[in-house]
Amino acid sequence: MTSQDSHQGSRQDAPLRVGLVGYGLAGSVFHAPLIAATEGLALDTVVTSNPERQAQARAEFGPGLRCAASADELWERAGELDLIVIASPNKTHVPLATAALKAGLPVVVDKPLAGTAAEARTLAELADERGLLLSVFQNRRWDNDFRTLRKLLAEDALGEVQRFESRFERWRPRPKGGWRESGAPEEIGGLLYDLGSHVVDQALVLFGPAASVYAESDVRRPGAEADDDTFIAITHADGVRSHLYVSATTAQLGPRFRVLGARAGYVKYGLDPQEAALRAGLRPGGDAPWGVEDESLWGRVGSGESPLTGGGRPEPTLPGDYPAYYAAIAAALRENAPNPVTAHEAAAALDVLEAARTSARDGVTVTL
């Protein structure tokens, strides 16, 4: 019996009680609503030292929600909890995940898991030694466009893929400040590790390990400290080339995906609607369909035509499904189902991000 099994064995029929560390953007917009919407999980405690955020959490999830000013309070109550979710600033991910695992608790960590692949692998080894789940919240694997592209590839609708273009672009000409845009190395800020964590993870899921990495990374905006315009080129071991763009300085947004195969291509504009819905206070499980976009936003599949002039056929976009991540976490804890995103996968993505940083700094292609 693993530590995880022993920890939960006495409460098999009760909801798994979750402690959430951090109630900023990630905690309040993504994790808390998705945890609360998942059958078999119960949001027990939110950790934030901010009184306004504590009040905000209780207003949404009820006066019975417990609030704590420090994660240390969770370790003291480890026997009352079944899962820790870490949605605090990037620099705290490794120490908090280490403390949770040493307290005998399974852990979900928001991306990036760590600042280096070595730190990620050390955490993975600790989790394996303790027999505990360690998972990384890579929610963009459940974006509508990504799910649709995986379906097309499974059906061999495009033929052998030659190039995968993925863009996560924004138009934010003025820095917003905060740790995410800090240039201090210890903060693990900048778009390479923020949005880059998503596009690299998606590329590796689709096309497998990276053989080499080339990158260009710039600080474009006046007053900006960290990279805000980055390009990453991955040559995968199977020969596919991924061209990945993350930017806050894009005055005209490109397609989210442009995938070129030997027989056809797939082009898709627009972002998955789930983040906007969560920000607006909508929740999965309500009356309205979740993660569904209008037909006018569907991508197109074809060959030799321009999708901008209606070329190719429309490809219905599958609904986005962020709730599937936490449903998979509940199944992993209850039924020993597969971990939806492992720490080893996160470490492989961090190998690419570290190589990209080296490439951009030194002007070289990095072989992995």
Protein backbone atom coordinates (compact mmCIF):
# COMPACT_ATOMS: atom_id res chain seq x y z
CA MET A 1 0.00 0.00 0.00
CA THR A 2 1.38 3.41 -0.96
CA SER A 3 1.43 6.43 1.34
CA GLN A 4 -1.33 7.82 -0.84
CA ASP A 5 -3.53 4.74 -0.34
CA SER A 6 -2.92 4.72 3.40
CA HIS A 7 -3.69 8.41 3.70
CA GLN A 8 -7.07 8.07 2.00
CA GLY A 9 -8.04 4.56 2.97
CA SER A 10 -10.30 5.53 5.86
CA ARG A 11 -12.41 7.95 3.80
CA GLN A 12 -13.06 6.12 0.55
CA ASP A 13 -16.68 7.27 0.26
CA ALA A 14 -16.18 10.90 1.30
CA PRO A 15 -15.08 13.64 -1.10
CA LEU A 16 -11.32 14.14 -1.27
CA ARG A 17 -10.51 17.28 0.68
CA VAL A 18 -8.32 19.77 -1.14
CA GLY A 19 -6.05 22.49 0.21
CA LEU A 20 -5.40 25.24 -2.33
CA VAL A 21 -2.26 27.36 -1.88
CA GLY A 22 -2.62 30.74 -3.59
CA TYR A 23 -5.72 32.70 -4.56
CA GLY A 24 -4.47 35.06 -7.25
CA LEU A 25 -5.25 34.62 -10.94
CA ALA A 26 -4.42 30.90 -11.13
CA GLY A 27 -6.07 29.97 -7.83
CA SER A 28 -9.26 32.00 -8.10
CA VAL A 29 -9.96 31.80 -11.84
CA PHE A 30 -8.80 28.27 -12.69
CA HIS A 31 -8.17 25.93 -9.77
CA ALA A 32 -10.82 26.77 -7.18
CA PRO A 33 -13.78 26.74 -9.62
CA LEU A 34 -12.62 23.54 -11.33
CA ILE A 35 -11.98 21.75 -8.02
CA ALA A 36 -15.40 22.77 -6.73
CA ALA A 37 -17.05 21.54 -9.95
CA THR A 38 -15.41 18.09 -9.82
CA GLU A 39 -17.38 15.20 -8.42
CA GLY A 40 -15.44 13.55 -5.62
CA LEU A 41 -13.39 16.65 -4.73
CA ALA A 42 -14.19 19.24 -2.08
CA LEU A 43 -12.39 22.57 -1.65
CA ASP A 44 -11.55 22.50 2.05
CA THR A 45 -8.98 25.26 2.64
CA VAL A 46 -7.62 28.24 0.69
CA VAL A 47 -4.23 29.63 1.69
CA THR A 48 -3.81 33.37 1.22
CA SER A 49 -2.63 36.03 3.63
CA ASN A 50 -4.73 38.68 1.86
CA PRO A 51 -7.96 39.37 3.83
CA GLU A 52 -9.76 40.59 0.71
CA ARG A 53 -8.95 37.38 -1.14
CA GLN A 54 -10.06 35.33 1.86
CA ALA A 55 -13.40 37.16 1.80
CA GLN A 56 -13.65 36.65 -1.96
CA ALA A 57 -13.09 32.90 -1.59
CA ARG A 58 -15.70 32.56 1.18
CA ALA A 59 -18.19 34.62 -0.84
CA GLU A 60 -17.95 32.18 -3.74
CA PHE A 61 -17.53 28.86 -1.94
CA GLY A 62 -19.45 29.44 1.26
CA PRO A 63 -18.69 30.41 4.86
CA GLY A 64 -17.66 26.84 5.62
CA LEU A 65 -14.54 27.24 3.49
CA ARG A 66 -11.48 27.39 5.70
CA CYS A 67 -8.83 30.03 5.06
CA ALA A 68 -5.23 29.99 6.22
CA ALA A 69 -2.56 32.65 6.11
CA SER A 70 0.32 30.19 5.61
CA ALA A 71 0.80 26.81 3.96
CA ASP A 72 2.43 25.64 7.20
CA GLU A 73 -1.09 25.36 8.61
CA LEU A 74 -1.84 22.71 5.99
CA TRP A 75 1.13 20.54 6.94
CA GLU A 76 -0.05 20.65 10.58
CA ARG A 77 -3.44 19.32 9.39
CA ALA A 78 -2.06 16.86 6.83
CA GLY A 79 -4.17 14.01 8.19
CA GLU A 80 -7.36 15.95 7.39
CA LEU A 81 -6.49 16.60 3.74
CA ASP A 82 -6.19 14.42 0.64
CA LEU A 83 -4.65 16.71 -1.97
CA ILE A 84 -2.65 19.94 -2.11
CA VAL A 85 -2.91 22.25 -5.12
CA ILE A 86 -0.16 24.84 -5.52
CA ALA A 87 -1.20 27.95 -7.44
CA SER A 88 1.21 30.42 -5.87
CA PRO A 89 4.04 32.37 -7.60
CA ASN A 90 6.48 30.27 -9.63
CA LYS A 91 9.41 30.67 -7.24
CA THR A 92 7.41 28.96 -4.48
CA HIS A 93 6.46 25.84 -6.47
CA VAL A 94 9.46 23.69 -5.58
CA PRO A 95 9.62 24.45 -1.82
CA LEU A 96 5.86 24.11 -1.37
CA ALA A 97 5.63 20.89 -3.39
CA THR A 98 8.57 19.47 -1.43
CA ALA A 99 6.91 20.33 1.89
CA ALA A 100 3.58 18.81 0.81
CA LEU A 101 5.17 15.57 -0.36
CA LYS A 102 7.18 15.29 2.85
CA ALA A 103 3.92 15.78 4.76
CA GLY A 104 2.56 12.73 2.92
CA LEU A 105 0.16 14.59 0.63
CA PRO A 106 -0.43 14.18 -3.11
CA VAL A 107 0.21 17.39 -5.04
CA VAL A 108 -0.96 19.26 -8.12
CA VAL A 109 1.34 22.13 -9.14
CA ASP A 110 0.49 24.88 -11.60
CA LYS A 111 2.89 25.17 -14.52
CA PRO A 112 5.83 25.54 -14.63
CA LEU A 113 6.54 22.85 -12.08
CA ALA A 114 10.01 24.28 -11.42
CA GLY A 115 12.61 26.63 -12.79
CA THR A 116 14.85 23.81 -14.05
CA ALA A 117 14.41 20.28 -15.32
CA ALA A 118 16.77 19.04 -12.59
CA GLU A 119 14.50 20.44 -9.87
CA ALA A 120 11.47 18.87 -11.56
CA ARG A 121 13.16 15.46 -11.66
CA THR A 122 14.16 15.74 -8.00
CA LEU A 123 10.52 16.39 -7.11
CA ALA A 124 9.44 13.45 -9.28
CA GLU A 125 11.89 11.17 -7.47
CA LEU A 126 10.60 12.34 -4.08
CA ALA A 127 7.01 11.65 -5.12
CA ASP A 128 7.95 8.21 -6.43
CA GLU A 129 9.82 7.38 -3.23
CA ARG A 130 6.78 8.38 -1.14
CA GLY A 131 4.27 6.66 -3.43
CA LEU A 132 2.42 9.93 -3.95
CA LEU A 133 0.80 11.59 -6.93
CA LEU A 134 2.64 14.61 -8.32
CA SER A 135 0.85 16.20 -11.26
CA VAL A 136 1.24 19.43 -13.23
CA PHE A 137 -1.70 21.59 -14.30
CA GLN A 138 -1.24 21.79 -18.06
CA ASN A 139 -4.82 22.82 -18.76
CA ARG A 140 -4.11 23.72 -22.40
CA ARG A 141 -4.08 20.00 -23.24
CA TRP A 142 -7.86 20.32 -22.84
CA ASP A 143 -8.27 23.42 -25.05
CA ASN A 144 -10.86 23.06 -27.78
CA ASP A 145 -8.40 23.54 -30.64
CA PHE A 146 -5.84 21.13 -29.20
CA ARG A 147 -8.46 18.42 -28.68
CA THR A 148 -9.63 18.94 -32.27
CA LEU A 149 -6.10 18.72 -33.65
CA ARG A 150 -5.43 15.49 -31.74
CA LYS A 151 -8.61 14.06 -33.29
CA LEU A 152 -7.47 15.06 -36.78
CA LEU A 153 -4.06 13.46 -36.23
CA ALA A 154 -5.62 10.28 -34.85
CA GLU A 155 -7.75 10.08 -38.00
CA ASP A 156 -4.70 10.76 -40.22
CA ALA A 157 -6.72 13.56 -41.81
CA LEU A 158 -3.62 15.62 -42.69
CA GLY A 159 -1.15 12.96 -43.69
CA GLU A 160 2.38 12.97 -42.30
CA VAL A 161 2.85 16.26 -40.46
CA GLN A 162 5.82 18.31 -41.61
CA ARG A 163 5.43 21.54 -39.65
CA PHE A 164 3.42 22.58 -36.61
CA GLU A 165 2.95 26.29 -35.97
CA SER A 166 1.49 27.35 -32.63
CA ARG A 167 0.93 30.92 -31.48
CA PHE A 168 -0.05 32.24 -28.09
CA GLU A 169 -0.05 35.94 -28.85
CA ARG A 170 -1.43 38.99 -27.09
CA TRP A 171 -1.47 42.73 -27.61
CA ARG A 172 -0.39 44.26 -24.31
CA PRO A 173 1.82 47.22 -25.26
CA ARG A 174 2.28 48.28 -21.62
CA PRO A 175 3.71 45.94 -18.98
CA LYS A 176 1.27 45.12 -16.19
CA GLY A 177 4.02 44.55 -13.62
CA GLY A 178 4.03 41.88 -10.94
CA TRP A 179 6.18 38.79 -10.55
CA ARG A 180 5.10 37.31 -13.90
CA GLU A 181 6.83 40.18 -15.70
CA SER A 182 9.80 40.43 -13.37
CA GLY A 183 13.26 40.06 -14.83
CA ALA A 184 14.67 38.72 -11.55
CA PRO A 185 15.88 35.15 -12.23
CA GLU A 186 14.48 33.82 -8.96
CA GLU A 187 10.94 34.85 -9.96
CA ILE A 188 10.94 32.56 -13.05
CA GLY A 189 8.99 35.25 -14.88
CA GLY A 190 8.68 36.16 -18.55
CA LEU A 191 6.67 34.64 -21.38
CA LEU A 192 9.16 31.84 -22.10
CA TYR A 193 8.21 30.11 -18.85
CA ASP A 194 4.62 31.38 -18.74
CA LEU A 195 2.99 30.85 -22.12
CA GLY A 196 6.01 28.95 -23.40
CA SER A 197 5.23 26.19 -20.89
CA HIS A 198 1.94 25.64 -22.69
CA VAL A 199 3.06 25.67 -26.33
CA VAL A 200 6.11 23.49 -25.66
CA ASP A 201 4.06 20.96 -23.69
CA GLN A 202 1.52 20.76 -26.50
CA ALA A 203 4.22 20.25 -29.13
CA LEU A 204 5.84 17.43 -27.15
CA VAL A 205 2.48 15.72 -26.54
CA LEU A 206 1.69 15.84 -30.26
CA PHE A 207 5.05 15.01 -31.83
CA GLY A 208 7.27 13.49 -29.18
CA PRO A 209 10.75 14.28 -27.85
CA ALA A 210 12.79 17.25 -29.01
CA ALA A 211 16.12 16.58 -30.74
CA SER A 212 17.23 20.21 -31.06
CA VAL A 213 16.04 23.70 -30.08
CA TYR A 214 16.63 27.15 -31.53
CA ALA A 215 15.10 30.30 -30.02
CA GLU A 216 14.94 34.06 -30.29
CA SER A 217 13.86 36.01 -27.21
CA ASP A 218 13.45 39.77 -26.84
CA VAL A 219 12.32 42.43 -24.40
CA ARG A 220 10.31 44.74 -26.66
CA ARG A 221 8.15 47.00 -24.49
CA PRO A 222 9.43 50.15 -22.80
CA GLY A 223 9.80 49.46 -19.10
CA ALA A 224 9.58 45.69 -19.51
CA GLU A 225 12.07 43.56 -17.55
CA ALA A 226 11.46 40.02 -18.81
CA ASP A 227 11.11 38.45 -22.25
CA ASP A 228 7.84 39.48 -23.89
CA ASP A 229 8.38 38.30 -27.49
CA THR A 230 9.85 34.83 -28.03
CA PHE A 231 10.10 32.33 -30.88
CA ILE A 232 11.05 28.68 -30.35
CA ALA A 233 11.88 26.20 -33.10
CA ILE A 234 11.89 22.52 -32.12
CA THR A 235 13.11 19.73 -34.36
CA HIS A 236 11.47 16.60 -32.99
CA ALA A 237 13.17 13.23 -33.02
CA ASP A 238 10.68 12.04 -35.65
CA GLY A 239 11.55 14.94 -37.99
CA VAL A 240 8.53 17.18 -37.41
CA ARG A 241 9.42 20.84 -36.94
CA SER A 242 7.46 22.90 -34.41
CA HIS A 243 7.52 26.70 -34.70
CA LEU A 244 6.19 28.23 -31.50
CA TYR A 245 5.47 31.91 -30.85
CA VAL A 246 4.64 33.55 -27.51
CA SER A 247 4.28 37.30 -27.42
CA ALA A 248 2.67 40.23 -25.63
CA THR A 249 3.57 42.65 -28.43
CA THR A 250 1.57 41.28 -31.38
CA ALA A 251 -0.47 44.07 -32.96
CA GLN A 252 -2.09 41.63 -35.42
CA LEU A 253 -2.73 38.13 -34.07
CA GLY A 254 -1.79 35.12 -36.18
CA PRO A 255 -3.55 31.75 -36.26
CA ARG A 256 -3.53 29.83 -33.01
CA PHE A 257 -2.59 26.69 -34.97
CA ARG A 258 -1.32 26.16 -38.51
CA VAL A 259 -0.49 22.50 -39.10
CA LEU A 260 0.92 21.43 -42.45
CA GLY A 261 0.73 17.79 -43.50
CA ALA A 262 1.64 15.87 -46.62
CA ARG A 263 -2.01 15.79 -47.77
CA ALA A 264 -3.73 18.72 -46.03
CA GLY A 265 -3.36 21.47 -43.51
CA TYR A 266 -5.40 22.70 -40.54
CA VAL A 267 -5.66 26.38 -39.64
CA LYS A 268 -7.45 27.61 -36.52
CA TYR A 269 -7.83 31.18 -35.25
CA GLY A 270 -8.94 32.34 -31.81
CA LEU A 271 -8.39 31.19 -28.24
CA ASP A 272 -10.33 28.52 -26.39
CA PRO A 273 -13.30 30.19 -24.61
CA GLN A 274 -12.91 28.51 -21.22
CA GLU A 275 -10.58 31.03 -19.59
CA ALA A 276 -12.82 33.93 -20.60
CA ALA A 277 -15.84 32.06 -19.25
CA LEU A 278 -14.14 31.36 -15.91
CA ARG A 279 -13.02 34.99 -15.63
CA ALA A 280 -16.62 36.07 -16.25
CA GLY A 281 -17.83 33.92 -13.35
CA LEU A 282 -19.33 31.11 -15.43
CA ARG A 283 -18.83 27.61 -14.11
CA PRO A 284 -18.78 24.10 -15.59
CA GLY A 285 -21.92 22.10 -14.97
CA GLY A 286 -24.31 25.02 -15.44
CA ASP A 287 -27.20 25.25 -17.87
CA ALA A 288 -25.09 26.50 -20.78
CA PRO A 289 -22.86 24.09 -22.71
CA TRP A 290 -19.26 24.29 -21.48
CA GLY A 291 -16.29 25.03 -23.73
CA VAL A 292 -18.34 25.34 -26.93
CA GLU A 293 -17.47 27.96 -29.53
CA ASP A 294 -19.52 29.46 -32.35
CA GLU A 295 -19.33 27.80 -35.76
CA SER A 296 -17.87 31.00 -37.21
CA LEU A 297 -14.68 30.26 -35.25
CA TRP A 298 -14.18 26.72 -36.49
CA GLY A 299 -10.89 25.98 -38.16
CA ARG A 300 -10.53 24.79 -41.72
CA VAL A 301 -8.90 21.76 -43.33
CA GLY A 302 -7.73 21.81 -46.92
CA SER A 303 -4.87 21.91 -49.38
CA GLY A 304 -3.79 24.71 -51.71
CA GLU A 305 -6.43 27.20 -50.51
CA SER A 306 -6.46 30.15 -48.14
CA PRO A 307 -8.69 29.74 -45.09
CA LEU A 308 -9.04 33.53 -44.96
CA THR A 309 -11.02 33.45 -48.20
CA GLY A 310 -13.10 30.44 -47.23
CA GLY A 311 -10.85 27.79 -48.71
CA GLY A 312 -10.96 24.25 -47.38
CA ARG A 313 -13.74 22.67 -45.36
CA PRO A 314 -14.81 23.81 -41.89
CA GLU A 315 -13.69 21.45 -39.12
CA PRO A 316 -16.10 21.40 -36.15
CA THR A 317 -14.19 22.33 -33.00
CA LEU A 318 -14.56 19.88 -30.14
CA PRO A 319 -15.66 21.48 -26.85
CA GLY A 320 -12.87 22.50 -24.50
CA ASP A 321 -12.79 20.41 -21.34
CA TYR A 322 -10.74 21.80 -18.46
CA PRO A 323 -12.92 19.87 -15.97
CA ALA A 324 -11.43 16.66 -17.41
CA TYR A 325 -8.10 17.42 -15.73
CA TYR A 326 -9.43 17.38 -12.18
CA ALA A 327 -11.75 14.47 -12.98
CA ALA A 328 -8.60 12.57 -13.96
CA ILE A 329 -6.87 13.65 -10.74
CA ALA A 330 -9.80 12.32 -8.69
CA ALA A 331 -9.67 9.04 -10.63
CA ALA A 332 -5.91 8.77 -10.10
CA LEU A 333 -6.32 9.18 -6.35
CA ARG A 334 -9.40 6.97 -6.02
CA GLU A 335 -8.76 4.27 -8.59
CA ASN A 336 -5.03 4.44 -9.37
CA ALA A 337 -5.94 5.70 -12.84
CA PRO A 338 -3.11 7.32 -14.85
CA ASN A 339 -1.72 10.66 -13.78
CA PRO A 340 -3.00 13.10 -16.47
CA VAL A 341 0.26 15.13 -16.54
CA THR A 342 3.35 13.66 -14.91
CA ALA A 343 6.32 15.48 -13.42
CA HIS A 344 8.56 13.61 -15.85
CA GLU A 345 6.63 15.14 -18.75
CA ALA A 346 7.03 18.54 -17.13
CA ALA A 347 10.77 17.96 -16.83
CA ALA A 348 11.00 17.17 -20.56
CA ALA A 349 9.26 20.47 -21.34
CA LEU A 350 11.66 22.28 -19.01
CA ASP A 351 14.58 20.71 -20.89
CA VAL A 352 13.27 22.51 -23.99
CA LEU A 353 12.65 25.80 -22.16
CA GLU A 354 16.18 25.77 -20.72
CA ALA A 355 17.60 24.97 -24.16
CA ALA A 356 15.56 27.85 -25.63
CA ARG A 357 16.94 30.26 -23.07
CA THR A 358 20.50 29.14 -23.86
CA SER A 359 19.89 29.34 -27.59
CA ALA A 360 18.45 32.85 -27.43
CA ARG A 361 21.30 34.06 -25.22
CA ASP A 362 24.14 32.52 -27.18
CA GLY A 363 22.70 32.49 -30.71
CA VAL A 364 23.17 28.76 -31.13
CA THR A 365 21.08 25.68 -31.82
CA VAL A 366 21.03 23.41 -28.77
CA THR A 367 21.07 19.64 -29.24
CA LEU A 368 19.21 17.62 -26.62
